[in-house]
C-alpha atoms as a PDB file:
ATOM      1  CA  MET A   1      -0.341  14.016 -18.138  1.00  0.00           C
ATOM      2  CA  GLY A   2       1.332  16.730 -20.143  1.00  0.00           C
ATOM      3  CA  HIS A   3       4.970  15.686 -19.493  1.00  0.00           C
ATOM      4  CA  ASP A   4       7.385  14.506 -22.167  1.00  0.00           C
ATOM      5  CA  LEU A   5       9.360  11.636 -20.673  1.00  0.00           C
ATOM      6  CA  ALA A   6      11.013  10.471 -23.880  1.00  0.00           C
ATOM      7  CA  GLY A   7      14.483   9.293 -23.007  1.00  0.00           C
ATOM      8  CA  ALA A   8      14.110  10.401 -19.405  1.00  0.00           C
ATOM      9  CA  ALA A   9      15.049   8.147 -16.507  1.00  0.00           C
ATOM     10  CA  VAL A  10      12.731   9.648 -13.910  1.00  0.00           C
ATOM     11  CA  ARG A  11      12.916   7.878 -10.546  1.00  0.00           C
ATOM     12  CA  ILE A  12      10.027   8.300  -8.099  1.00  0.00           C
ATOM     13  CA  LEU A  13       9.645   6.956  -4.563  1.00  0.00           C
ATOM     14  CA  CYS A  14       6.119   6.404  -3.205  1.00  0.00           C
ATOM     15  CA  PHE A  15       5.727   6.185   0.560  1.00  0.00           C
ATOM     16  CA  GLY A  16       2.484   4.205   0.831  1.00  0.00           C
ATOM     17  CA  SER A  17       0.749   2.128  -1.829  1.00  0.00           C
ATOM     18  CA  GLY A  18      -2.883   1.968  -0.795  1.00  0.00           C
ATOM     19  CA  ALA A  19      -5.846   2.933  -2.962  1.00  0.00           C
ATOM     20  CA  VAL A  20      -4.442   6.326  -3.950  1.00  0.00           C
ATOM     21  CA  GLY A  21      -0.706   5.704  -3.572  1.00  0.00           C
ATOM     22  CA  GLY A  22      -0.860   2.357  -5.355  1.00  0.00           C
ATOM     23  CA  SER A  23      -2.902   3.793  -8.225  1.00  0.00           C
ATOM     24  CA  LEU A  24      -0.455   6.676  -8.506  1.00  0.00           C
ATOM     25  CA  ALA A  25       2.510   4.300  -8.667  1.00  0.00           C
ATOM     26  CA  ARG A  26       0.839   2.268 -11.420  1.00  0.00           C
ATOM     27  CA  LEU A  27      -0.084   5.383 -13.387  1.00  0.00           C
ATOM     28  CA  LEU A  28       3.465   6.705 -13.288  1.00  0.00           C
ATOM     29  CA  ARG A  29       4.843   3.276 -14.200  1.00  0.00           C
ATOM     30  CA  GLN A  30       2.577   3.245 -17.263  1.00  0.00           C
ATOM     31  CA  GLN A  31       4.059   6.619 -18.209  1.00  0.00           C
ATOM     32  CA  GLY A  32       7.535   5.089 -18.317  1.00  0.00           C
ATOM     33  CA  VAL A  33       8.665   6.327 -14.915  1.00  0.00           C
ATOM     34  CA  GLN A  34      10.848   4.151 -12.700  1.00  0.00           C
ATOM     35  CA  ILE A  35       8.891   3.574  -9.493  1.00  0.00           C
ATOM     36  CA  TRP A  36       9.866   2.364  -6.057  1.00  0.00           C
ATOM     37  CA  ALA A  37       6.861   1.767  -3.804  1.00  0.00           C
ATOM     38  CA  GLY A  38       7.237   1.255  -0.075  1.00  0.00           C
ATOM     39  CA  ARG A  39       4.970  -0.104   2.631  1.00  0.00           C
ATOM     40  CA  ARG A  40       5.210  -2.406   5.639  1.00  0.00           C
ATOM     41  CA  ARG A  41       3.800  -5.360   3.714  1.00  0.00           C
ATOM     42  CA  ALA A  42       5.991  -5.119   0.652  1.00  0.00           C
ATOM     43  CA  GLU A  43       4.723  -8.494  -0.590  1.00  0.00           C
ATOM     44  CA  LEU A  44       1.453  -6.762  -1.528  1.00  0.00           C
ATOM     45  CA  ILE A  45       3.229  -4.494  -4.013  1.00  0.00           C
ATOM     46  CA  PRO A  46       3.492  -5.703  -7.654  1.00  0.00           C
ATOM     47  CA  PRO A  47       7.091  -6.590  -8.588  1.00  0.00           C
ATOM     48  CA  ASP A  48       7.249  -4.049 -11.431  1.00  0.00           C
ATOM     49  CA  LEU A  49       6.863  -1.278  -8.825  1.00  0.00           C
ATOM     50  CA  ASN A  50      10.166  -2.241  -7.152  1.00  0.00           C
ATOM     51  CA  PRO A  51       8.732  -3.060  -3.692  1.00  0.00           C
ATOM     52  CA  LEU A  52      10.499  -1.699  -0.638  1.00  0.00           C
ATOM     53  CA  LYS A  53       9.743  -2.932   2.873  1.00  0.00           C
ATOM     54  CA  LEU A  54       9.406   0.334   4.768  1.00  0.00           C
ATOM     55  CA  ASP A  55       7.850   1.296   8.064  1.00  0.00           C
ATOM     56  CA  VAL A  56       8.079   5.056   8.194  1.00  0.00           C
ATOM     57  CA  VAL A  57       6.354   5.303  11.566  1.00  0.00           C
ATOM     58  CA  GLN A  58       9.016   3.115  13.183  1.00  0.00           C
ATOM     59  CA  GLY A  59      11.762   4.407  10.899  1.00  0.00           C
ATOM     60  CA  ALA A  60      12.532   0.926   9.572  1.00  0.00           C
ATOM     61  CA  GLY A  61      13.985   0.243   6.115  1.00  0.00           C
ATOM     62  CA  LEU A  62      14.776   3.891   5.389  1.00  0.00           C
ATOM     63  CA  ASP A  63      18.578   3.670   5.342  1.00  0.00           C
ATOM     64  CA  GLY A  64      20.233   4.278   2.014  1.00  0.00           C
ATOM     65  CA  LEU A  65      17.398   6.139   0.298  1.00  0.00           C
ATOM     66  CA  ASP A  66      19.197   9.499   0.330  1.00  0.00           C
ATOM     67  CA  ASP A  67      19.147  11.310  -3.022  1.00  0.00           C
ATOM     68  CA  ARG A  68      18.490   8.337  -5.296  1.00  0.00           C
ATOM     69  CA  PHE A  69      15.159   9.754  -6.500  1.00  0.00           C
ATOM     70  CA  ASP A  70      13.979  12.719  -8.509  1.00  0.00           C
ATOM     71  CA  ALA A  71      10.862  13.148  -6.344  1.00  0.00           C
ATOM     72  CA  ALA A  72       8.957  11.369  -3.591  1.00  0.00           C
ATOM     73  CA  VAL A  73       5.270  11.176  -2.679  1.00  0.00           C
ATOM     74  CA  TYR A  74       3.984  10.654   0.855  1.00  0.00           C
ATOM     75  CA  CYS A  75       0.499   9.119   0.770  1.00  0.00           C
ATOM     76  CA  LEU A  76      -0.256   7.075   3.879  1.00  0.00           C
ATOM     77  CA  THR A  77      -3.410   5.826   5.574  1.00  0.00           C
ATOM     78  CA  PRO A  78      -3.353   5.858   9.402  1.00  0.00           C
ATOM     79  CA  ASP A  79      -3.764   2.590  11.290  1.00  0.00           C
ATOM     80  CA  SER A  80      -6.493   4.191  13.391  1.00  0.00           C
ATOM     81  CA  ARG A  81      -8.801   7.117  12.749  1.00  0.00           C
ATOM     82  CA  ASP A  82      -7.965   8.885  16.003  1.00  0.00           C
ATOM     83  CA  ASP A  83      -5.442  11.472  17.101  1.00  0.00           C
ATOM     84  CA  ALA A  84      -2.779   8.896  17.926  1.00  0.00           C
ATOM     85  CA  GLY A  85      -3.161   7.266  14.510  1.00  0.00           C
ATOM     86  CA  TYR A  86      -2.908  10.582  12.692  1.00  0.00           C
ATOM     87  CA  ALA A  87       0.076  11.720  14.767  1.00  0.00           C
ATOM     88  CA  ALA A  88       1.921   8.505  13.976  1.00  0.00           C
ATOM     89  CA  ALA A  89       1.188   8.366  10.244  1.00  0.00           C
ATOM     90  CA  TYR A  90       1.291  12.021   9.315  1.00  0.00           C
ATOM     91  CA  VAL A  91       3.743  13.567  11.758  1.00  0.00           C
ATOM     92  CA  ARG A  92       6.196  10.979  13.073  1.00  0.00           C
ATOM     93  CA  GLY A  93       6.169   9.025   9.823  1.00  0.00           C
ATOM     94  CA  LEU A  94       6.690  12.124   7.705  1.00  0.00           C
ATOM     95  CA  GLU A  95       9.575  13.282   9.913  1.00  0.00           C
ATOM     96  CA  ASN A  96      11.302   9.949   9.368  1.00  0.00           C
ATOM     97  CA  ALA A  97      10.616   9.961   5.638  1.00  0.00           C
ATOM     98  CA  LEU A  98      11.990  13.473   5.165  1.00  0.00           C
ATOM     99  CA  ARG A  99      15.183  12.601   7.043  1.00  0.00           C
ATOM    100  CA  SER A 100      15.715   9.602   4.784  1.00  0.00           C
ATOM    101  CA  ILE A 101      15.531  11.274   1.360  1.00  0.00           C
ATOM    102  CA  GLY A 102      18.082  14.054   1.622  1.00  0.00           C
ATOM    103  CA  GLY A 103      17.247  16.891  -0.740  1.00  0.00           C
ATOM    104  CA  THR A 104      14.682  14.970  -2.813  1.00  0.00           C
ATOM    105  CA  PRO A 105      11.540  17.110  -3.270  1.00  0.00           C
ATOM    106  CA  LEU A 106       8.487  15.541  -1.656  1.00  0.00           C
ATOM    107  CA  ILE A 107       4.763  15.831  -2.285  1.00  0.00           C
ATOM    108  CA  PHE A 108       2.710  15.383   0.868  1.00  0.00           C
ATOM    109  CA  VAL A 109      -0.922  14.353   0.428  1.00  0.00           C
ATOM    110  CA  SER A 110      -2.752  16.576   2.890  1.00  0.00           C
ATOM    111  CA  SER A 111      -6.424  17.468   3.338  1.00  0.00           C
ATOM    112  CA  THR A 112      -8.897  20.348   3.223  1.00  0.00           C
ATOM    113  CA  ALA A 113      -9.525  19.502   6.903  1.00  0.00           C
ATOM    114  CA  VAL A 114      -6.836  22.090   7.714  1.00  0.00           C
ATOM    115  CA  TYR A 115      -9.477  24.813   7.205  1.00  0.00           C
ATOM    116  CA  ALA A 116     -11.937  25.749   9.952  1.00  0.00           C
ATOM    117  CA  GLN A 117     -14.231  27.956   7.874  1.00  0.00           C
ATOM    118  CA  ASP A 118     -17.818  26.773   8.315  1.00  0.00           C
ATOM    119  CA  ASP A 119     -19.947  29.587   6.913  1.00  0.00           C
ATOM    120  CA  GLY A 120     -20.047  28.599   3.242  1.00  0.00           C
ATOM    121  CA  SER A 121     -17.295  31.074   2.381  1.00  0.00           C
ATOM    122  CA  TRP A 122     -14.684  30.564  -0.322  1.00  0.00           C
ATOM    123  CA  VAL A 123     -11.175  29.542   0.715  1.00  0.00           C
ATOM    124  CA  ASP A 124      -7.940  29.153  -1.187  1.00  0.00           C
ATOM    125  CA  GLU A 125      -4.351  28.207  -0.404  1.00  0.00           C
ATOM    126  CA  ASP A 126      -3.739  31.542   1.333  1.00  0.00           C
ATOM    127  CA  SER A 127      -6.818  31.424   3.581  1.00  0.00           C
ATOM    128  CA  PRO A 128      -6.321  31.083   7.346  1.00  0.00           C
ATOM    129  CA  THR A 129      -5.884  27.528   8.625  1.00  0.00           C
ATOM    130  CA  ARG A 130      -7.170  27.082  12.159  1.00  0.00           C
ATOM    131  CA  PRO A 131      -8.486  23.498  12.215  1.00  0.00           C
ATOM    132  CA  ARG A 132     -10.897  22.568  14.987  1.00  0.00           C
ATOM    133  CA  ASN A 133     -10.453  18.796  14.940  1.00  0.00           C
ATOM    134  CA  PHE A 134      -7.468  16.507  15.380  1.00  0.00           C
ATOM    135  CA  ARG A 135      -7.454  15.508  11.701  1.00  0.00           C
ATOM    136  CA  GLY A 136      -6.891  19.043  10.509  1.00  0.00           C
ATOM    137  CA  ARG A 137      -4.460  19.861  13.313  1.00  0.00           C
ATOM    138  CA  ARG A 138      -2.258  16.854  12.592  1.00  0.00           C
ATOM    139  CA  MET A 139      -2.298  17.525   8.849  1.00  0.00           C
ATOM    140  CA  LEU A 140      -1.275  21.123   9.452  1.00  0.00           C
ATOM    141  CA  GLU A 141       1.451  19.999  11.857  1.00  0.00           C
ATOM    142  CA  ALA A 142       2.741  17.662   9.157  1.00  0.00           C
ATOM    143  CA  GLU A 143       2.701  20.451   6.569  1.00  0.00           C
ATOM    144  CA  SER A 144       4.876  22.553   8.888  1.00  0.00           C
ATOM    145  CA  LEU A 145       7.616  19.925   8.549  1.00  0.00           C
ATOM    146  CA  LEU A 146       7.909  20.380   4.789  1.00  0.00           C
ATOM    147  CA  ARG A 147      10.995  22.048   3.365  1.00  0.00           C
ATOM    148  CA  PRO A 148      11.457  24.572   0.557  1.00  0.00           C
ATOM    149  CA  GLY A 149      10.778  22.721  -2.678  1.00  0.00           C
ATOM    150  CA  ASP A 150       8.239  20.356  -1.095  1.00  0.00           C
ATOM    151  CA  LEU A 151       4.530  20.567  -1.849  1.00  0.00           C
ATOM    152  CA  ALA A 152       1.410  19.956   0.251  1.00  0.00           C
ATOM    153  CA  VAL A 153      -1.603  18.903  -1.837  1.00  0.00           C
ATOM    154  CA  ARG A 154      -4.798  19.458   0.146  1.00  0.00           C
ATOM    155  CA  LEU A 155      -7.243  16.981  -1.338  1.00  0.00           C
ATOM    156  CA  GLY A 156     -10.982  17.255  -0.870  1.00  0.00           C
ATOM    157  CA  GLY A 157     -13.157  14.231  -0.139  1.00  0.00           C
ATOM    158  CA  ILE A 158     -12.168  11.460  -2.545  1.00  0.00           C
ATOM    159  CA  TYR A 159     -15.023   9.544  -4.148  1.00  0.00           C
ATOM    160  CA  GLY A 160     -15.248   7.026  -6.966  1.00  0.00           C
ATOM    161  CA  TYR A 161     -14.136   3.430  -7.268  1.00  0.00           C
ATOM    162  CA  GLY A 162     -12.888   1.424  -4.320  1.00  0.00           C
ATOM    163  CA  GLU A 163     -14.070   0.402  -0.895  1.00  0.00           C
ATOM    164  CA  GLY A 164     -16.120   3.095   0.820  1.00  0.00           C
ATOM    165  CA  ARG A 165     -15.698   5.661  -1.959  1.00  0.00           C
ATOM    166  CA  SER A 166     -19.225   5.368  -3.343  1.00  0.00           C
ATOM    167  CA  ALA A 167     -21.014   5.581   0.013  1.00  0.00           C
ATOM    168  CA  LEU A 168     -23.042   8.630  -1.035  1.00  0.00           C
ATOM    169  CA  LEU A 169     -24.343   6.764  -4.070  1.00  0.00           C
ATOM    170  CA  GLU A 170     -25.434   3.830  -1.926  1.00  0.00           C
ATOM    171  CA  GLU A 171     -27.054   6.220   0.555  1.00  0.00           C
ATOM    172  CA  ALA A 172     -29.040   7.855  -2.241  1.00  0.00           C
ATOM    173  CA  ALA A 173     -30.172   4.436  -3.471  1.00  0.00           C
ATOM    174  CA  GLU A 174     -31.794   3.770  -0.088  1.00  0.00           C
ATOM    175  CA  GLY A 175     -34.582   6.204  -1.008  1.00  0.00           C
ATOM    176  CA  TRP A 176     -34.516   8.131   2.235  1.00  0.00           C
ATOM    177  CA  ILE A 177     -36.499  11.340   2.590  1.00  0.00           C
ATOM    178  CA  TYR A 178     -34.484  14.311   3.797  1.00  0.00           C
ATOM    179  CA  PRO A 179     -36.018  17.479   5.222  1.00  0.00           C
ATOM    180  CA  ASP A 180     -35.714  20.640   3.169  1.00  0.00           C
ATOM    181  CA  GLN A 181     -32.846  22.903   4.104  1.00  0.00           C
ATOM    182  CA  ASP A 182     -32.625  26.644   4.296  1.00  0.00           C
ATOM    183  CA  PRO A 183     -31.066  27.562   0.908  1.00  0.00           C
ATOM    184  CA  SER A 184     -28.858  30.296   2.352  1.00  0.00           C
ATOM    185  CA  PRO A 185     -25.081  29.736   2.042  1.00  0.00           C
ATOM    186  CA  SER A 186     -24.730  29.525   5.819  1.00  0.00           C
ATOM    187  CA  ARG A 187     -27.042  26.505   5.990  1.00  0.00           C
ATOM    188  CA  SER A 188     -26.477  24.633   2.739  1.00  0.00           C
ATOM    189  CA  ARG A 189     -23.333  22.841   3.981  1.00  0.00           C
ATOM    190  CA  TYR A 190     -21.021  23.029   0.988  1.00  0.00           C
ATOM    191  CA  GLY A 191     -18.517  20.204   0.605  1.00  0.00           C
ATOM    192  CA  ASN A 192     -15.478  19.779  -1.627  1.00  0.00           C
ATOM    193  CA  ARG A 193     -14.672  16.633  -3.564  1.00  0.00           C
ATOM    194  CA  ILE A 194     -12.409  15.108  -6.131  1.00  0.00           C
ATOM    195  CA  HIS A 195     -12.913  11.911  -8.114  1.00  0.00           C
ATOM    196  CA  ILE A 196     -10.233   9.318  -7.384  1.00  0.00           C
ATOM    197  CA  THR A 197      -9.239   9.363 -11.063  1.00  0.00           C
ATOM    198  CA  ASP A 198      -8.445  13.064 -10.753  1.00  0.00           C
ATOM    199  CA  ALA A 199      -6.823  12.734  -7.340  1.00  0.00           C
ATOM    200  CA  VAL A 200      -4.389  10.214  -8.795  1.00  0.00           C
ATOM    201  CA  GLY A 201      -3.967  12.073 -12.083  1.00  0.00           C
ATOM    202  CA  LEU A 202      -3.283  15.372 -10.346  1.00  0.00           C
ATOM    203  CA  LEU A 203      -0.718  13.820  -8.017  1.00  0.00           C
ATOM    204  CA  GLY A 204       1.015  12.209 -10.973  1.00  0.00           C
ATOM    205  CA  HIS A 205       1.081  15.506 -12.852  1.00  0.00           C
ATOM    206  CA  LEU A 206       2.507  17.371  -9.850  1.00  0.00           C
ATOM    207  CA  THR A 207       5.036  14.641  -9.060  1.00  0.00           C
ATOM    208  CA  LEU A 208       6.498  14.829 -12.546  1.00  0.00           C
ATOM    209  CA  SER A 209       6.550  18.628 -12.331  1.00  0.00           C
ATOM    210  CA  ARG A 210       8.589  18.438  -9.119  1.00  0.00           C
ATOM    211  CA  ALA A 211      10.868  15.804 -10.610  1.00  0.00           C
ATOM    212  CA  GLY A 212      11.495  18.193 -13.485  1.00  0.00           C
ATOM    213  CA  GLY A 213      12.492  20.981 -11.131  1.00  0.00           C
ATOM    214  CA  ALA A 214       9.258  23.004 -10.971  1.00  0.00           C
ATOM    215  CA  ALA A 215       8.655  24.359  -7.473  1.00  0.00           C
ATOM    216  CA  GLU A 216       6.558  27.485  -7.818  1.00  0.00           C
ATOM    217  CA  ARG A 217       4.099  26.587  -5.076  1.00  0.00           C
ATOM    218  CA  SER A 218       4.286  25.084  -1.601  1.00  0.00           C
ATOM    219  CA  VAL A 219       0.526  24.403  -1.227  1.00  0.00           C
ATOM    220  CA  LEU A 220      -2.139  23.423  -3.745  1.00  0.00           C
ATOM    221  CA  LEU A 221      -5.819  22.573  -3.305  1.00  0.00           C
ATOM    222  CA  GLY A 222      -6.930  19.360  -5.013  1.00  0.00           C
ATOM    223  CA  VAL A 223     -10.683  19.725  -5.515  1.00  0.00           C
ATOM    224  CA  ASP A 224     -13.055  19.779  -8.456  1.00  0.00           C
ATOM    225  CA  SER A 225     -14.532  22.973  -9.891  1.00  0.00           C
ATOM    226  CA  GLU A 226     -17.945  22.893  -8.258  1.00  0.00           C
ATOM    227  CA  PRO A 227     -18.350  22.678  -4.475  1.00  0.00           C
ATOM    228  CA  ALA A 228     -21.801  21.295  -3.706  1.00  0.00           C
ATOM    229  CA  PRO A 229     -23.916  20.503  -0.641  1.00  0.00           C
ATOM    230  CA  ARG A 230     -24.236  16.852   0.305  1.00  0.00           C
ATOM    231  CA  ILE A 231     -28.036  17.055   0.142  1.00  0.00           C
ATOM    232  CA  GLU A 232     -27.901  18.449  -3.406  1.00  0.00           C
ATOM    233  CA  ILE A 233     -25.776  15.503  -4.527  1.00  0.00           C
ATOM    234  CA  ILE A 234     -28.035  12.961  -2.822  1.00  0.00           C
ATOM    235  CA  ARG A 235     -31.141  14.364  -4.473  1.00  0.00           C
ATOM    236  CA  TRP A 236     -29.444  14.510  -7.876  1.00  0.00           C
ATOM    237  CA  LEU A 237     -28.361  10.905  -7.462  1.00  0.00           C
ATOM    238  CA  GLN A 238     -31.882   9.841  -6.513  1.00  0.00           C
ATOM    239  CA  ARG A 239     -33.246  11.440  -9.663  1.00  0.00           C
ATOM    240  CA  ARG A 240     -30.611   9.834 -11.873  1.00  0.00           C
ATOM    241  CA  LEU A 241     -31.135   6.460 -10.226  1.00  0.00           C
ATOM    242  CA  GLY A 242     -34.896   6.757 -10.606  1.00  0.00           C
ATOM    243  CA  VAL A 243     -35.259   6.300  -6.851  1.00  0.00           C
ATOM    244  CA  ARG A 244     -38.348   7.763  -5.263  1.00  0.00           C
ATOM    245  CA  PRO A 245     -37.786   8.821  -1.645  1.00  0.00           C
ATOM    246  CA  ARG A 246     -40.109   6.639   0.398  1.00  0.00           C
ATOM    247  CA  ARG A 247     -39.138   6.687   4.068  1.00  0.00           C
ATOM    248  CA  PRO A 248     -37.572   9.182   6.489  1.00  0.00           C
ATOM    249  CA  ALA A 249     -33.813   9.194   6.668  1.00  0.00           C
ATOM    250  CA  PRO A 250     -32.431   7.535   9.830  1.00  0.00           C
ATOM    251  CA  GLU A 251     -30.863   9.637  12.543  1.00  0.00           C
ATOM    252  CA  ALA A 252     -27.333   8.591  11.549  1.00  0.00           C
ATOM    253  CA  ALA A 253     -27.842   9.909   8.005  1.00  0.00           C
ATOM    254  CA  LEU A 254     -29.301  13.167   9.300  1.00  0.00           C
ATOM    255  CA  ALA A 255     -26.352  13.543  11.657  1.00  0.00           C
ATOM    256  CA  ARG A 256     -23.921  13.145   8.742  1.00  0.00           C
ATOM    257  CA  LEU A 257     -25.813  15.839   6.875  1.00  0.00           C
ATOM    258  CA  ALA A 258     -25.707  18.228   9.841  1.00  0.00           C
ATOM    259  CA  ALA A 259     -22.011  17.588  10.473  1.00  0.00           C
ATOM    260  CA  ALA A 260     -20.937  18.016   6.844  1.00  0.00           C
ATOM    261  CA  PRO A 261     -18.285  20.676   6.178  1.00  0.00           C
ATOM    262  CA  ASN A 262     -19.407  24.081   4.959  1.00  0.00           C
ATOM    263  CA  LYS A 263     -16.758  25.820   2.912  1.00  0.00           C
ATOM    264  CA  ARG A 264     -16.038  26.233  -0.780  1.00  0.00           C
ATOM    265  CA  CYS A 265     -12.483  25.573  -1.919  1.00  0.00           C
ATOM    266  CA  ARG A 266     -11.124  27.254  -5.024  1.00  0.00           C
ATOM    267  CA  ASN A 267      -9.052  25.218  -7.474  1.00  0.00           C
ATOM    268  CA  ASP A 268      -7.456  28.081  -9.433  1.00  0.00           C
ATOM    269  CA  ARG A 269      -3.929  26.828  -8.750  1.00  0.00           C
ATOM    270  CA  LEU A 270      -4.875  23.335  -9.868  1.00  0.00           C
ATOM    271  CA  ILE A 271      -6.080  24.718 -13.196  1.00  0.00           C
ATOM    272  CA  GLU A 272      -2.981  26.909 -13.485  1.00  0.00           C
ATOM    273  CA  SER A 273      -0.770  23.848 -12.932  1.00  0.00           C
ATOM    274  CA  GLY A 274      -1.804  22.543 -16.351  1.00  0.00           C
ATOM    275  CA  TYR A 275      -3.780  19.553 -15.108  1.00  0.00           C
ATOM    276  CA  THR A 276      -7.172  19.051 -16.787  1.00  0.00           C
ATOM    277  CA  LEU A 277      -9.863  17.558 -14.581  1.00  0.00           C
ATOM    278  CA  GLN A 278     -11.583  14.531 -16.072  1.00  0.00           C
ATOM    279  CA  HIS A 279     -14.498  15.110 -13.711  1.00  0.00           C
ATOM    280  CA  PRO A 280     -14.846  18.852 -13.035  1.00  0.00           C
ATOM    281  CA  ASN A 281     -18.037  18.372 -10.993  1.00  0.00           C
ATOM    282  CA  PHE A 282     -19.916  15.684  -9.101  1.00  0.00           C
ATOM    283  CA  ARG A 283     -22.368  15.086 -11.954  1.00  0.00           C
ATOM    284  CA  SER A 284     -19.587  14.037 -14.285  1.00  0.00           C
ATOM    285  CA  GLY A 285     -17.957  11.852 -11.643  1.00  0.00           C
ATOM    286  CA  TYR A 286     -21.073  10.088 -10.430  1.00  0.00           C
ATOM    287  CA  ALA A 287     -22.440   9.486 -13.939  1.00  0.00           C
ATOM    288  CA  GLY A 288     -19.789   6.829 -14.487  1.00  0.00           C
ATOM    289  CA  LEU A 289     -20.467   5.240 -11.106  1.00  0.00           C
ATOM    290  CA  ILE A 290     -24.171   5.039 -11.892  1.00  0.00           C
ATOM    291  CA  ALA A 291     -23.463   3.440 -15.268  1.00  0.00           C
ATOM    292  CA  GLU A 292     -21.214   0.848 -13.634  1.00  0.00           C
ATOM    293  CA  ARG A 293     -23.805   0.138 -10.950  1.00  0.00           C
ATOM    294  CA  ARG A 294     -26.466  -0.482 -13.595  1.00  0.00           C
ATOM    295  CA  ALA A 295     -24.124  -2.710 -15.573  1.00  0.00           C
ATOM    296  CA  ARG A 296     -23.628  -4.876 -12.486  1.00  0.00           C
ATOM    297  CA  GLY A 297     -27.407  -5.225 -12.261  1.00  0.00           C
END
């Protein structure tokens, strides 16, 4: 990860230990970092991650955290995928977490949903943020709570290993026929992604940078180097899988295609941070998933 921890007693607090937060905690622990991981069901956290029973939404278990840590990471999953769920997890919960850690720098895992651009244009950390849906609005509201020295990492769509993270691969394997799209940028529906290995690796890299005192940026985009339309990925996957499209795609699949985001996020700051992407584009990331799928038979 590019950080020399020899002899260092780095102490990191992870709010949330789900698929991303839990993987991050384990990665940092393997690097010799002292980890404290918190969630409501602390019994689900491995003992070597120093489990803490925390409920940030209700503000429970947060007393005494103060300045015990060199950095903290806030990576929660809402209980419900609606406005109330997002407001609770990303706004009320973050407010409580920030109050509990004193001056400890915090990394907030945000989303590219904060952008409203839908014309295939390029965006970066300085582009206007005028989200049109509750997900983006709540993420942006949460970002506004961050203090000097904190960092918002706006991750693209995470794919890879884990429940629901290889849905596009399974969709391609169905062999559905999709209608041709107008190739113009305004119609090709560009999306932005990051493999879960890189999402976790990047967060670990940035967490250790903050713990070491680096605080040059307040926002950073976490995406790979090649935005690509959903339909392009599906067709590439079908070719690599040897799947011949044989029946029209169902309405639900066509609706997902039509509703896909359409912006291209730059990752210049990610590259400048010193992190090296293991999967700089979807072809690299999905190649491993295809190999694993074939190995399973």
